[in-house]
Amino acid sequence: MYLTAVLGNGALILVVLSEGTLHEPMYVFLSMLAGTDILLSTTTVPKALAIFWVHAREIAFDACITQMFFIHVAFVAESGILLAMAFDCYVAICAPLRYTTILTPMVIGKMTLAIWGRSIGTIFPIIFLLKRLPYCRTNVIPHSYCEHIGVARLACADITVNICYGFSVPMASVLVDVALIGVSYTLILQAVFRLPSQDARHKALNTCGSHIGVILLFFIPSFFTFLTHRFGKNIPHRVHILLANLYVLVPPMLNPIIYGAKTKQIRDGMAHMLSAAGKS
């Protein structure tokens, strides 16, 4: 699953970079999503495999903090990228004649900076929230990778601030994204069903169908994992760990498959790139 995620997303990025016809906002955001998926899975899976395969059960504290930082940054960034893709789809369906004037390269650059600036700015304080704590209890994390609250619970001090910040600020950012995505697709569906011909409706729905699939694939497992971790006291701990590992594997593995199957331009670009490689 990890190899499929890395190879699939890596191939998708190469196709977007190499094909001039794919240098459009939709595919720029898609390549950003693919890069974030590689970051998310690569930050977690190799260490988890090392634990299971060669019993490499130790990690330095600074390395643990670094891993935690990149996991949470990737999560918040992916949420923001999905919002940007929903906005792209909204403009393409609801204001097609103004698409190129609204989503200019400068606007896309500003959106990219906003996505990553918000992600890093939201998660960066967690480093200091963890560093300030004294650790004098067990140093065993009951998980296959480091995450904020799991590390904070090893401290022999009050972690109320960590819990409040960890569950409120990042989740508030993601919930705002979910609400805005919901508004975007409500407006998109209203516009689609007002189109005069069935063929136009079908084409418009097909354009955004893959987006909706990827959005559901990201948010449903992430919220399920979050809610079971926060409120599922009677769920066995091994189930929490299994869900958390599947969350960082399944969406990154399936995203390029969904877009490859649903998007003709991606399929054509992949075929062209393979054909050019074969001739060379």
C-alpha atoms as a PDB file:
ATOM      1  CA  MET A   1       0.000   0.000   0.000  1.00  0.00           C
ATOM      2  CA  TYR A   2       2.845   2.396   0.827  1.00  0.00           C
ATOM      3  CA  LEU A   3       4.674   1.667  -2.430  1.00  0.00           C
ATOM      4  CA  THR A   4       1.437   2.155  -4.359  1.00  0.00           C
ATOM      5  CA  ALA A   5       0.894   5.511  -2.631  1.00  0.00           C
ATOM      6  CA  VAL A   6       4.427   6.782  -3.323  1.00  0.00           C
ATOM      7  CA  LEU A   7       4.635   5.502  -6.903  1.00  0.00           C
ATOM      8  CA  GLY A   8       1.082   6.560  -7.805  1.00  0.00           C
ATOM      9  CA  ASN A   9       1.395  10.069  -6.399  1.00  0.00           C
ATOM     10  CA  GLY A  10       4.928  10.447  -7.750  1.00  0.00           C
ATOM     11  CA  ALA A  11       3.738   9.451 -11.237  1.00  0.00           C
ATOM     12  CA  LEU A  12       0.845  11.895 -10.988  1.00  0.00           C
ATOM     13  CA  ILE A  13       3.221  14.761 -10.112  1.00  0.00           C
ATOM     14  CA  LEU A  14       5.524  13.830 -13.023  1.00  0.00           C
ATOM     15  CA  VAL A  15       2.593  13.780 -15.456  1.00  0.00           C
ATOM     16  CA  VAL A  16       1.397  17.227 -14.345  1.00  0.00           C
ATOM     17  CA  LEU A  17       4.930  18.665 -14.551  1.00  0.00           C
ATOM     18  CA  SER A  18       5.779  17.130 -17.928  1.00  0.00           C
ATOM     19  CA  GLU A  19       2.507  17.765 -19.792  1.00  0.00           C
ATOM     20  CA  GLY A  20       1.965  21.394 -20.798  1.00  0.00           C
ATOM     21  CA  THR A  21      -1.767  20.821 -21.228  1.00  0.00           C
ATOM     22  CA  LEU A  22      -2.033  20.024 -17.508  1.00  0.00           C
ATOM     23  CA  HIS A  23      -0.531  23.316 -16.317  1.00  0.00           C
ATOM     24  CA  GLU A  24      -3.936  24.497 -15.104  1.00  0.00           C
ATOM     25  CA  PRO A  25      -5.170  25.338 -11.578  1.00  0.00           C
ATOM     26  CA  MET A  26      -7.019  22.035 -11.113  1.00  0.00           C
ATOM     27  CA  TYR A  27      -3.913  19.977 -11.853  1.00  0.00           C
ATOM     28  CA  VAL A  28      -1.620  22.284  -9.870  1.00  0.00           C
ATOM     29  CA  PHE A  29      -3.788  21.670  -6.799  1.00  0.00           C
ATOM     30  CA  LEU A  30      -3.881  17.961  -7.638  1.00  0.00           C
ATOM     31  CA  SER A  31      -0.086  17.780  -7.728  1.00  0.00           C
ATOM     32  CA  MET A  32       0.008  19.621  -4.377  1.00  0.00           C
ATOM     33  CA  LEU A  33      -2.392  17.019  -2.974  1.00  0.00           C
ATOM     34  CA  ALA A  34      -0.186  14.223  -4.302  1.00  0.00           C
ATOM     35  CA  GLY A  35       2.920  15.762  -2.716  1.00  0.00           C
ATOM     36  CA  THR A  36       1.125  16.133   0.617  1.00  0.00           C
ATOM     37  CA  ASP A  37       0.009  12.488   0.441  1.00  0.00           C
ATOM     38  CA  ILE A  38       3.622  11.413  -0.088  1.00  0.00           C
ATOM     39  CA  LEU A  39       4.682  13.552   2.894  1.00  0.00           C
ATOM     40  CA  LEU A  40       1.948  12.107   5.136  1.00  0.00           C
ATOM     41  CA  SER A  41       2.638   8.450   4.330  1.00  0.00           C
ATOM     42  CA  THR A  42       6.445   8.787   4.241  1.00  0.00           C
ATOM     43  CA  THR A  43       6.487  10.503   7.634  1.00  0.00           C
ATOM     44  CA  THR A  44       4.730   7.562   9.281  1.00  0.00           C
ATOM     45  CA  VAL A  45       4.898   4.289   7.365  1.00  0.00           C
ATOM     46  CA  PRO A  46       8.681   3.572   7.151  1.00  0.00           C
ATOM     47  CA  LYS A  47       9.051   3.889  10.943  1.00  0.00           C
ATOM     48  CA  ALA A  48       5.926   1.755  11.510  1.00  0.00           C
ATOM     49  CA  LEU A  49       7.322  -0.930   9.196  1.00  0.00           C
ATOM     50  CA  ALA A  50      10.636  -0.793  11.056  1.00  0.00           C
ATOM     51  CA  ILE A  51       8.751  -1.415  14.316  1.00  0.00           C
ATOM     52  CA  PHE A  52       6.862  -4.400  12.912  1.00  0.00           C
ATOM     53  CA  TRP A  53       9.664  -5.922  10.826  1.00  0.00           C
ATOM     54  CA  VAL A  54      12.912  -5.393  12.776  1.00  0.00           C
ATOM     55  CA  HIS A  55      11.520  -4.356  16.186  1.00  0.00           C
ATOM     56  CA  ALA A  56      13.114  -0.881  15.946  1.00  0.00           C
ATOM     57  CA  ARG A  57      11.024   0.382  18.838  1.00  0.00           C
ATOM     58  CA  GLU A  58      13.080   3.460  19.794  1.00  0.00           C
ATOM     59  CA  ILE A  59      12.949   7.031  18.533  1.00  0.00           C
ATOM     60  CA  ALA A  60      14.776  10.112  19.800  1.00  0.00           C
ATOM     61  CA  PHE A  61      12.594  12.768  21.397  1.00  0.00           C
ATOM     62  CA  ASP A  62      13.496  15.420  18.798  1.00  0.00           C
ATOM     63  CA  ALA A  63      12.830  12.935  15.992  1.00  0.00           C
ATOM     64  CA  CYS A  64       9.471  12.146  17.590  1.00  0.00           C
ATOM     65  CA  ILE A  65       8.580  15.863  17.737  1.00  0.00           C
ATOM     66  CA  THR A  66       9.652  16.273  14.095  1.00  0.00           C
ATOM     67  CA  GLN A  67       7.512  13.336  12.998  1.00  0.00           C
ATOM     68  CA  MET A  68       4.529  14.677  14.933  1.00  0.00           C
ATOM     69  CA  PHE A  69       4.978  18.130  13.361  1.00  0.00           C
ATOM     70  CA  PHE A  70       4.985  16.871   9.769  1.00  0.00           C
ATOM     71  CA  ILE A  71       2.027  14.510  10.348  1.00  0.00           C
ATOM     72  CA  HIS A  72      -0.198  17.302  11.665  1.00  0.00           C
ATOM     73  CA  VAL A  73       1.038  19.862   9.117  1.00  0.00           C
ATOM     74  CA  ALA A  74       0.241  17.432   6.280  1.00  0.00           C
ATOM     75  CA  PHE A  75      -3.241  16.817   7.709  1.00  0.00           C
ATOM     76  CA  VAL A  76      -4.148  20.532   7.954  1.00  0.00           C
ATOM     77  CA  ALA A  77      -2.516  21.271   4.569  1.00  0.00           C
ATOM     78  CA  GLU A  78      -4.459  18.503   2.839  1.00  0.00           C
ATOM     79  CA  SER A  79      -7.687  19.903   4.223  1.00  0.00           C
ATOM     80  CA  GLY A  80      -6.780  23.322   2.821  1.00  0.00           C
ATOM     81  CA  ILE A  81      -5.846  21.874  -0.575  1.00  0.00           C
ATOM     82  CA  LEU A  82      -9.204  20.108  -0.801  1.00  0.00           C
ATOM     83  CA  LEU A  83     -10.897  23.444  -0.064  1.00  0.00           C
ATOM     84  CA  ALA A  84      -8.857  25.069  -2.865  1.00  0.00           C
ATOM     85  CA  MET A  85      -9.903  22.281  -5.232  1.00  0.00           C
ATOM     86  CA  ALA A  86     -13.554  22.803  -4.263  1.00  0.00           C
ATOM     87  CA  PHE A  87     -13.177  26.526  -5.022  1.00  0.00           C
ATOM     88  CA  ASP A  88     -11.570  25.670  -8.371  1.00  0.00           C
ATOM     89  CA  CYS A  89     -14.512  23.410  -9.212  1.00  0.00           C
ATOM     90  CA  TYR A  90     -16.986  26.122  -8.100  1.00  0.00           C
ATOM     91  CA  VAL A  91     -15.412  28.719 -10.407  1.00  0.00           C
ATOM     92  CA  ALA A  92     -15.231  26.233 -13.313  1.00  0.00           C
ATOM     93  CA  ILE A  93     -18.953  25.375 -13.002  1.00  0.00           C
ATOM     94  CA  CYS A  94     -20.516  28.610 -11.762  1.00  0.00           C
ATOM     95  CA  ALA A  95     -18.327  31.231 -13.485  1.00  0.00           C
ATOM     96  CA  PRO A  96     -16.644  29.478 -16.438  1.00  0.00           C
ATOM     97  CA  LEU A  97     -16.197  32.673 -18.504  1.00  0.00           C
ATOM     98  CA  ARG A  98     -14.228  34.295 -15.657  1.00  0.00           C
ATOM     99  CA  TYR A  99     -12.201  31.189 -14.754  1.00  0.00           C
ATOM    100  CA  THR A 100      -8.873  32.370 -16.202  1.00  0.00           C
ATOM    101  CA  THR A 101      -9.259  35.880 -14.785  1.00  0.00           C
ATOM    102  CA  ILE A 102     -10.110  34.642 -11.268  1.00  0.00           C
ATOM    103  CA  LEU A 103      -7.610  31.785 -10.929  1.00  0.00           C
ATOM    104  CA  THR A 104      -4.496  33.522 -12.211  1.00  0.00           C
ATOM    105  CA  PRO A 105      -0.990  32.193 -11.417  1.00  0.00           C
ATOM    106  CA  MET A 106      -0.597  34.935  -8.799  1.00  0.00           C
ATOM    107  CA  VAL A 107      -3.866  33.942  -7.093  1.00  0.00           C
ATOM    108  CA  ILE A 108      -2.823  30.277  -7.094  1.00  0.00           C
ATOM    109  CA  GLY A 109       0.541  31.250  -5.590  1.00  0.00           C
ATOM    110  CA  LYS A 110      -1.172  33.236  -2.831  1.00  0.00           C
ATOM    111  CA  MET A 111      -3.551  30.339  -2.128  1.00  0.00           C
ATOM    112  CA  THR A 112      -0.588  27.963  -1.882  1.00  0.00           C
ATOM    113  CA  LEU A 113       1.209  30.267   0.566  1.00  0.00           C
ATOM    114  CA  ALA A 114      -1.986  30.623   2.608  1.00  0.00           C
ATOM    115  CA  ILE A 115      -2.502  26.844   2.769  1.00  0.00           C
ATOM    116  CA  TRP A 116       1.016  26.067   3.964  1.00  0.00           C
ATOM    117  CA  GLY A 117       1.310  29.193   6.111  1.00  0.00           C
ATOM    118  CA  ARG A 118      -1.863  28.282   7.983  1.00  0.00           C
ATOM    119  CA  SER A 119      -0.762  24.656   8.380  1.00  0.00           C
ATOM    120  CA  ILE A 120       2.680  25.494   9.760  1.00  0.00           C
ATOM    121  CA  GLY A 121       1.377  28.394  11.864  1.00  0.00           C
ATOM    122  CA  THR A 122      -1.335  26.202  13.398  1.00  0.00           C
ATOM    123  CA  ILE A 123       0.949  23.297  14.289  1.00  0.00           C
ATOM    124  CA  PHE A 124       4.197  25.107  15.163  1.00  0.00           C
ATOM    125  CA  PRO A 125       3.067  26.129  18.693  1.00  0.00           C
ATOM    126  CA  ILE A 126       2.558  22.436  19.524  1.00  0.00           C
ATOM    127  CA  ILE A 127       6.341  21.977  19.441  1.00  0.00           C
ATOM    128  CA  PHE A 128       6.730  24.451  22.325  1.00  0.00           C
ATOM    129  CA  LEU A 129       3.702  23.035  24.151  1.00  0.00           C
ATOM    130  CA  LEU A 130       5.451  19.638  24.188  1.00  0.00           C
ATOM    131  CA  LYS A 131       8.977  20.936  24.864  1.00  0.00           C
ATOM    132  CA  ARG A 132       7.828  22.825  27.991  1.00  0.00           C
ATOM    133  CA  LEU A 133       6.538  19.653  29.668  1.00  0.00           C
ATOM    134  CA  PRO A 134       8.630  17.596  32.138  1.00  0.00           C
ATOM    135  CA  TYR A 135       8.764  13.884  31.265  1.00  0.00           C
ATOM    136  CA  CYS A 136       9.362  11.609  34.235  1.00  0.00           C
ATOM    137  CA  ARG A 137       6.919   8.746  33.644  1.00  0.00           C
ATOM    138  CA  THR A 138       7.117   5.951  31.111  1.00  0.00           C
ATOM    139  CA  ASN A 139       8.726   6.751  27.770  1.00  0.00           C
ATOM    140  CA  VAL A 140       6.598   4.221  25.874  1.00  0.00           C
ATOM    141  CA  ILE A 141       4.146   5.630  23.332  1.00  0.00           C
ATOM    142  CA  PRO A 142       1.283   3.155  22.741  1.00  0.00           C
ATOM    143  CA  HIS A 143       1.243   3.870  19.017  1.00  0.00           C
ATOM    144  CA  SER A 144       3.217   3.178  15.842  1.00  0.00           C
ATOM    145  CA  TYR A 145       3.988   6.889  15.323  1.00  0.00           C
ATOM    146  CA  CYS A 146       4.206  10.067  17.388  1.00  0.00           C
ATOM    147  CA  GLU A 147       1.153  12.292  17.644  1.00  0.00           C
ATOM    148  CA  HIS A 148       0.573  15.311  19.848  1.00  0.00           C
ATOM    149  CA  ILE A 149      -1.704  14.043  22.617  1.00  0.00           C
ATOM    150  CA  GLY A 150      -0.008  10.620  22.717  1.00  0.00           C
ATOM    151  CA  VAL A 151       3.325  12.306  23.503  1.00  0.00           C
ATOM    152  CA  ALA A 152       1.795  14.848  25.902  1.00  0.00           C
ATOM    153  CA  ARG A 153       0.238  12.059  27.992  1.00  0.00           C
ATOM    154  CA  LEU A 154       3.757  10.846  28.872  1.00  0.00           C
ATOM    155  CA  ALA A 155       4.365  14.061  30.844  1.00  0.00           C
ATOM    156  CA  CYS A 156       4.145  14.284  34.625  1.00  0.00           C
ATOM    157  CA  ALA A 157       2.422  17.677  34.527  1.00  0.00           C
ATOM    158  CA  ASP A 158      -0.920  19.201  33.689  1.00  0.00           C
ATOM    159  CA  ILE A 159      -1.564  18.907  29.918  1.00  0.00           C
ATOM    160  CA  THR A 160      -4.882  20.789  29.829  1.00  0.00           C
ATOM    161  CA  VAL A 161      -3.397  23.455  27.538  1.00  0.00           C
ATOM    162  CA  ASN A 162      -2.131  20.765  25.156  1.00  0.00           C
ATOM    163  CA  ILE A 163      -5.515  19.050  25.065  1.00  0.00           C
ATOM    164  CA  CYS A 164      -7.434  22.295  24.524  1.00  0.00           C
ATOM    165  CA  TYR A 165      -5.099  23.542  21.808  1.00  0.00           C
ATOM    166  CA  GLY A 166      -4.630  20.155  20.163  1.00  0.00           C
ATOM    167  CA  PHE A 167      -8.346  19.438  19.852  1.00  0.00           C
ATOM    168  CA  SER A 168      -9.648  22.964  19.230  1.00  0.00           C
ATOM    169  CA  VAL A 169      -7.302  24.963  16.992  1.00  0.00           C
ATOM    170  CA  PRO A 170      -6.353  22.404  14.287  1.00  0.00           C
ATOM    171  CA  MET A 171      -9.843  20.881  14.273  1.00  0.00           C
ATOM    172  CA  ALA A 172     -11.447  24.327  14.062  1.00  0.00           C
ATOM    173  CA  SER A 173      -9.359  25.023  10.938  1.00  0.00           C
ATOM    174  CA  VAL A 174     -10.449  21.740   9.381  1.00  0.00           C
ATOM    175  CA  LEU A 175     -14.110  22.250  10.339  1.00  0.00           C
ATOM    176  CA  VAL A 176     -14.083  25.684   8.668  1.00  0.00           C
ATOM    177  CA  ASP A 177     -12.700  23.966   5.537  1.00  0.00           C
ATOM    178  CA  VAL A 178     -15.455  21.335   5.686  1.00  0.00           C
ATOM    179  CA  ALA A 179     -18.148  24.008   6.030  1.00  0.00           C
ATOM    180  CA  LEU A 180     -16.786  26.020   3.085  1.00  0.00           C
ATOM    181  CA  ILE A 181     -16.441  22.872   0.957  1.00  0.00           C
ATOM    182  CA  GLY A 182     -20.060  22.035   1.780  1.00  0.00           C
ATOM    183  CA  VAL A 183     -21.191  25.524   0.721  1.00  0.00           C
ATOM    184  CA  SER A 184     -19.148  25.268  -2.505  1.00  0.00           C
ATOM    185  CA  TYR A 185     -20.670  21.965  -3.540  1.00  0.00           C
ATOM    186  CA  THR A 186     -24.181  23.086  -2.618  1.00  0.00           C
ATOM    187  CA  LEU A 187     -23.777  26.045  -5.002  1.00  0.00           C
ATOM    188  CA  ILE A 188     -22.172  23.774  -7.610  1.00  0.00           C
ATOM    189  CA  LEU A 189     -25.078  21.298  -7.520  1.00  0.00           C
ATOM    190  CA  GLN A 190     -27.615  24.127  -7.774  1.00  0.00           C
ATOM    191  CA  ALA A 191     -25.782  25.453 -10.849  1.00  0.00           C
ATOM    192  CA  VAL A 192     -25.461  21.981 -12.395  1.00  0.00           C
ATOM    193  CA  PHE A 193     -29.177  21.167 -12.118  1.00  0.00           C
ATOM    194  CA  ARG A 194     -30.027  24.505 -13.744  1.00  0.00           C
ATOM    195  CA  LEU A 195     -28.053  23.559 -16.876  1.00  0.00           C
ATOM    196  CA  PRO A 196     -30.354  23.103 -19.900  1.00  0.00           C
ATOM    197  CA  SER A 197     -29.042  19.818 -21.336  1.00  0.00           C
ATOM    198  CA  GLN A 198     -28.501  16.461 -19.670  1.00  0.00           C
ATOM    199  CA  ASP A 199     -25.155  16.106 -21.445  1.00  0.00           C
ATOM    200  CA  ALA A 200     -23.918  19.369 -19.912  1.00  0.00           C
ATOM    201  CA  ARG A 201     -25.088  18.237 -16.464  1.00  0.00           C
ATOM    202  CA  HIS A 202     -23.323  14.898 -16.857  1.00  0.00           C
ATOM    203  CA  LYS A 203     -20.087  16.575 -17.961  1.00  0.00           C
ATOM    204  CA  ALA A 204     -20.186  19.020 -15.063  1.00  0.00           C
ATOM    205  CA  LEU A 205     -20.858  16.296 -12.498  1.00  0.00           C
ATOM    206  CA  ASN A 206     -18.069  14.155 -13.959  1.00  0.00           C
ATOM    207  CA  THR A 207     -15.678  17.096 -13.626  1.00  0.00           C
ATOM    208  CA  CYS A 208     -16.248  17.345  -9.872  1.00  0.00           C
ATOM    209  CA  GLY A 209     -17.125  13.695  -9.146  1.00  0.00           C
ATOM    210  CA  SER A 210     -13.519  12.701  -8.505  1.00  0.00           C
ATOM    211  CA  HIS A 211     -13.123  15.725  -6.176  1.00  0.00           C
ATOM    212  CA  ILE A 212     -16.069  14.601  -4.074  1.00  0.00           C
ATOM    213  CA  GLY A 213     -14.700  11.059  -3.866  1.00  0.00           C
ATOM    214  CA  VAL A 214     -11.297  12.269  -2.653  1.00  0.00           C
ATOM    215  CA  ILE A 215     -12.907  14.677  -0.142  1.00  0.00           C
ATOM    216  CA  LEU A 216     -15.013  11.876   1.368  1.00  0.00           C
ATOM    217  CA  LEU A 217     -11.998   9.555   1.370  1.00  0.00           C
ATOM    218  CA  PHE A 218      -9.996  12.092   3.387  1.00  0.00           C
ATOM    219  CA  PHE A 219     -12.539  13.496   5.852  1.00  0.00           C
ATOM    220  CA  ILE A 220     -14.576  10.397   6.770  1.00  0.00           C
ATOM    221  CA  PRO A 221     -11.601   8.281   8.017  1.00  0.00           C
ATOM    222  CA  SER A 222      -9.932  11.301   9.650  1.00  0.00           C
ATOM    223  CA  PHE A 223     -13.034  12.334  11.616  1.00  0.00           C
ATOM    224  CA  PHE A 224     -13.796   8.709  12.478  1.00  0.00           C
ATOM    225  CA  THR A 225     -10.242   8.253  13.768  1.00  0.00           C
ATOM    226  CA  PHE A 226     -10.436  11.524  15.714  1.00  0.00           C
ATOM    227  CA  LEU A 227     -13.814  10.737  17.293  1.00  0.00           C
ATOM    228  CA  THR A 228     -12.907   7.160  18.251  1.00  0.00           C
ATOM    229  CA  HIS A 229      -9.625   8.391  19.751  1.00  0.00           C
ATOM    230  CA  ARG A 230     -11.405  11.138  21.699  1.00  0.00           C
ATOM    231  CA  PHE A 231     -14.609   9.385  22.769  1.00  0.00           C
ATOM    232  CA  GLY A 232     -14.209   5.669  22.020  1.00  0.00           C
ATOM    233  CA  LYS A 233     -13.074   4.628  25.490  1.00  0.00           C
ATOM    234  CA  ASN A 234     -14.459   1.098  25.079  1.00  0.00           C
ATOM    235  CA  ILE A 235     -12.778   0.467  21.719  1.00  0.00           C
ATOM    236  CA  PRO A 236      -9.660  -1.759  22.040  1.00  0.00           C
ATOM    237  CA  HIS A 237      -6.429   0.205  21.669  1.00  0.00           C
ATOM    238  CA  ARG A 238      -5.216  -2.008  18.813  1.00  0.00           C
ATOM    239  CA  VAL A 239      -8.282  -0.869  16.817  1.00  0.00           C
ATOM    240  CA  HIS A 240      -7.260   2.781  17.341  1.00  0.00           C
ATOM    241  CA  ILE A 241      -3.757   1.977  16.074  1.00  0.00           C
ATOM    242  CA  LEU A 242      -5.076   0.040  13.077  1.00  0.00           C
ATOM    243  CA  LEU A 243      -7.445   2.885  12.094  1.00  0.00           C
ATOM    244  CA  ALA A 244      -4.696   5.486  12.493  1.00  0.00           C
ATOM    245  CA  ASN A 245      -2.311   3.515  10.262  1.00  0.00           C
ATOM    246  CA  LEU A 246      -4.973   2.898   7.615  1.00  0.00           C
ATOM    247  CA  TYR A 247      -5.794   6.616   7.628  1.00  0.00           C
ATOM    248  CA  VAL A 248      -2.228   7.546   6.590  1.00  0.00           C
ATOM    249  CA  LEU A 249      -2.152   4.765   3.978  1.00  0.00           C
ATOM    250  CA  VAL A 250      -5.520   4.300   2.286  1.00  0.00           C
ATOM    251  CA  PRO A 251      -6.316   7.880   1.105  1.00  0.00           C
ATOM    252  CA  PRO A 252      -2.775   8.480  -0.283  1.00  0.00           C
ATOM    253  CA  MET A 253      -2.951   5.109  -2.056  1.00  0.00           C
ATOM    254  CA  LEU A 254      -6.416   5.630  -3.588  1.00  0.00           C
ATOM    255  CA  ASN A 255      -6.243   9.329  -4.524  1.00  0.00           C
ATOM    256  CA  PRO A 256      -4.095   8.879  -7.671  1.00  0.00           C
ATOM    257  CA  ILE A 257      -6.165   5.831  -8.652  1.00  0.00           C
ATOM    258  CA  ILE A 258      -9.411   7.838  -8.376  1.00  0.00           C
ATOM    259  CA  TYR A 259      -8.037  10.723 -10.413  1.00  0.00           C
ATOM    260  CA  GLY A 260      -6.414   8.389 -12.937  1.00  0.00           C
ATOM    261  CA  ALA A 261      -9.704   6.568 -13.469  1.00  0.00           C
ATOM    262  CA  LYS A 262     -11.979   9.639 -13.523  1.00  0.00           C
ATOM    263  CA  THR A 263      -9.865  12.225 -15.345  1.00  0.00           C
ATOM    264  CA  LYS A 264      -9.274  11.685 -19.063  1.00  0.00           C
ATOM    265  CA  GLN A 265      -6.522  14.317 -19.217  1.00  0.00           C
ATOM    266  CA  ILE A 266      -4.538  12.465 -16.535  1.00  0.00           C
ATOM    267  CA  ARG A 267      -4.935   9.153 -18.379  1.00  0.00           C
ATOM    268  CA  ASP A 268      -3.896  10.722 -21.665  1.00  0.00           C
ATOM    269  CA  GLY A 269      -0.916  12.435 -20.039  1.00  0.00           C
ATOM    270  CA  MET A 270       0.204   9.191 -18.428  1.00  0.00           C
ATOM    271  CA  ALA A 271      -0.088   7.341 -21.754  1.00  0.00           C
ATOM    272  CA  HIS A 272       1.875  10.086 -23.530  1.00  0.00           C
ATOM    273  CA  MET A 273       4.626  10.061 -20.891  1.00  0.00           C
ATOM    274  CA  LEU A 274       4.928   6.248 -21.031  1.00  0.00           C
ATOM    275  CA  SER A 275       4.959   6.350 -24.829  1.00  0.00           C
ATOM    276  CA  ALA A 276       7.732   8.962 -24.850  1.00  0.00           C
ATOM    277  CA  ALA A 277       9.720   6.939 -22.312  1.00  0.00           C
ATOM    278  CA  GLY A 278       9.340   3.797 -24.433  1.00  0.00           C
ATOM    279  CA  LYS A 279      10.585   5.550 -27.572  1.00  0.00           C
ATOM    280  CA  SER A 280      13.592   7.009 -25.792  1.00  0.00           C
END
